[in-house]
Protein backbone atom coordinates (compact mmCIF):
# COMPACT_ATOMS: atom_id res chain seq x y z
CA UNK A 1 0.03 -0.02 0.00
CA UNK A 2 1.22 3.49 -0.83
CA UNK A 3 0.10 5.20 2.43
CA UNK A 4 1.80 4.52 5.71
CA UNK A 5 -0.30 4.98 8.82
CA UNK A 6 1.21 6.50 11.92
CA UNK A 7 1.20 4.51 15.11
CA UNK A 8 -1.53 6.79 16.47
CA UNK A 9 -3.69 6.39 13.39
CA UNK A 10 -3.36 2.63 13.43
CA UNK A 11 -4.09 2.49 17.22
CA UNK A 12 -7.19 4.73 16.72
CA UNK A 13 -8.42 2.43 13.90
CA UNK A 14 -7.92 -0.74 15.95
CA UNK A 15 -9.84 0.88 18.77
CA UNK A 16 -12.64 1.72 16.40
CA UNK A 17 -12.79 -1.73 15.19
CA UNK A 18 -12.93 -3.05 18.71
CA UNK A 19 -15.68 -0.60 19.47
CA UNK A 20 -17.57 -1.65 16.32
CA UNK A 21 -17.44 -5.29 17.23
CA UNK A 22 -18.47 -4.55 20.79
CA UNK A 23 -21.39 -2.23 20.03
CA UNK A 24 -22.71 -3.47 16.70
CA UNK A 25 -21.96 -7.17 16.96
CA UNK A 26 -21.95 -7.62 20.79
CA UNK A 27 -18.52 -9.41 20.50
CA UNK A 28 -15.30 -8.54 22.35
CA UNK A 29 -12.21 -8.89 20.12
CA UNK A 30 -8.52 -8.58 21.22
CA UNK A 31 -6.28 -5.85 19.92
CA UNK A 32 -4.46 -8.56 17.88
CA UNK A 33 -7.75 -9.63 16.24
CA UNK A 34 -8.67 -6.05 15.49
CA UNK A 35 -5.28 -5.45 14.03
CA UNK A 36 -5.86 -8.49 11.68
CA UNK A 37 -9.17 -6.93 10.57
CA UNK A 38 -7.36 -3.67 9.93
CA UNK A 39 -4.69 -5.50 7.89
CA UNK A 40 -7.33 -7.19 5.87
CA UNK A 41 -9.16 -3.91 5.22
CA UNK A 42 -5.82 -2.19 4.21
CA UNK A 43 -4.72 -4.97 1.90
CA UNK A 44 -8.05 -6.07 0.36
CA UNK A 45 -10.65 -3.17 0.51
CA UNK A 46 -8.67 0.02 0.77
CA UNK A 47 -7.16 -0.31 -2.83
CA UNK A 48 -10.75 -0.16 -4.17
CA UNK A 49 -11.34 3.06 -2.33
CA UNK A 50 -7.96 4.44 -3.26
CA UNK A 51 -8.48 3.76 -6.90
CA UNK A 52 -11.97 5.41 -6.84
CA UNK A 53 -10.39 8.44 -5.31
CA UNK A 54 -7.67 8.50 -8.01
CA UNK A 55 -10.34 8.35 -10.64
CA UNK A 56 -12.25 11.29 -8.98
CA UNK A 57 -9.07 13.33 -8.89
CA UNK A 58 -8.39 12.58 -12.47
CA UNK A 59 -11.83 13.74 -13.51
CA UNK A 60 -11.46 16.98 -11.52
CA UNK A 61 -7.99 17.65 -13.11
CA UNK A 62 -9.35 16.95 -16.57
CA UNK A 63 -12.22 19.43 -15.99
CA UNK A 64 -9.87 22.04 -14.63
CA UNK A 65 -7.48 21.55 -17.56
CA UNK A 66 -10.32 21.88 -20.09
CA UNK A 67 -11.35 25.10 -18.35
CA UNK A 68 -7.82 26.52 -18.41
CA UNK A 69 -7.57 25.47 -22.14
CA UNK A 70 -10.78 27.43 -22.96
CA UNK A 71 -9.49 30.43 -21.11
CA UNK A 72 -6.20 30.31 -22.93
CA UNK A 73 -8.01 30.07 -26.33
CA UNK A 74 -9.90 33.33 -25.57
CA UNK A 75 -6.66 35.07 -25.65
CA UNK A 76 -6.14 34.27 -29.33
CA UNK A 77 -6.44 37.26 -31.68
CA UNK A 78 -7.91 37.05 -35.19
CA UNK A 79 -5.44 37.08 -38.12
CA UNK A 80 -6.32 39.33 -40.94
CA UNK A 81 -5.78 37.85 -44.43
């Protein structure tokens, strides 16, 4: 994966996973088990979200480029023949 989580970010996510299991599934899981869930999400699911974000950014950049291109073309002056 391209993005490296800080220890604080990873610990916060592990805690959130444990809270999810406790509150939503009425299960207590260890920190190790929550870390395994996080690893699964990072390795298997996160790339899908990452790629979707890359496509979103690509579309925004293309739209901005098209807008800039249109503005540049308005600077052209007619050539008399």
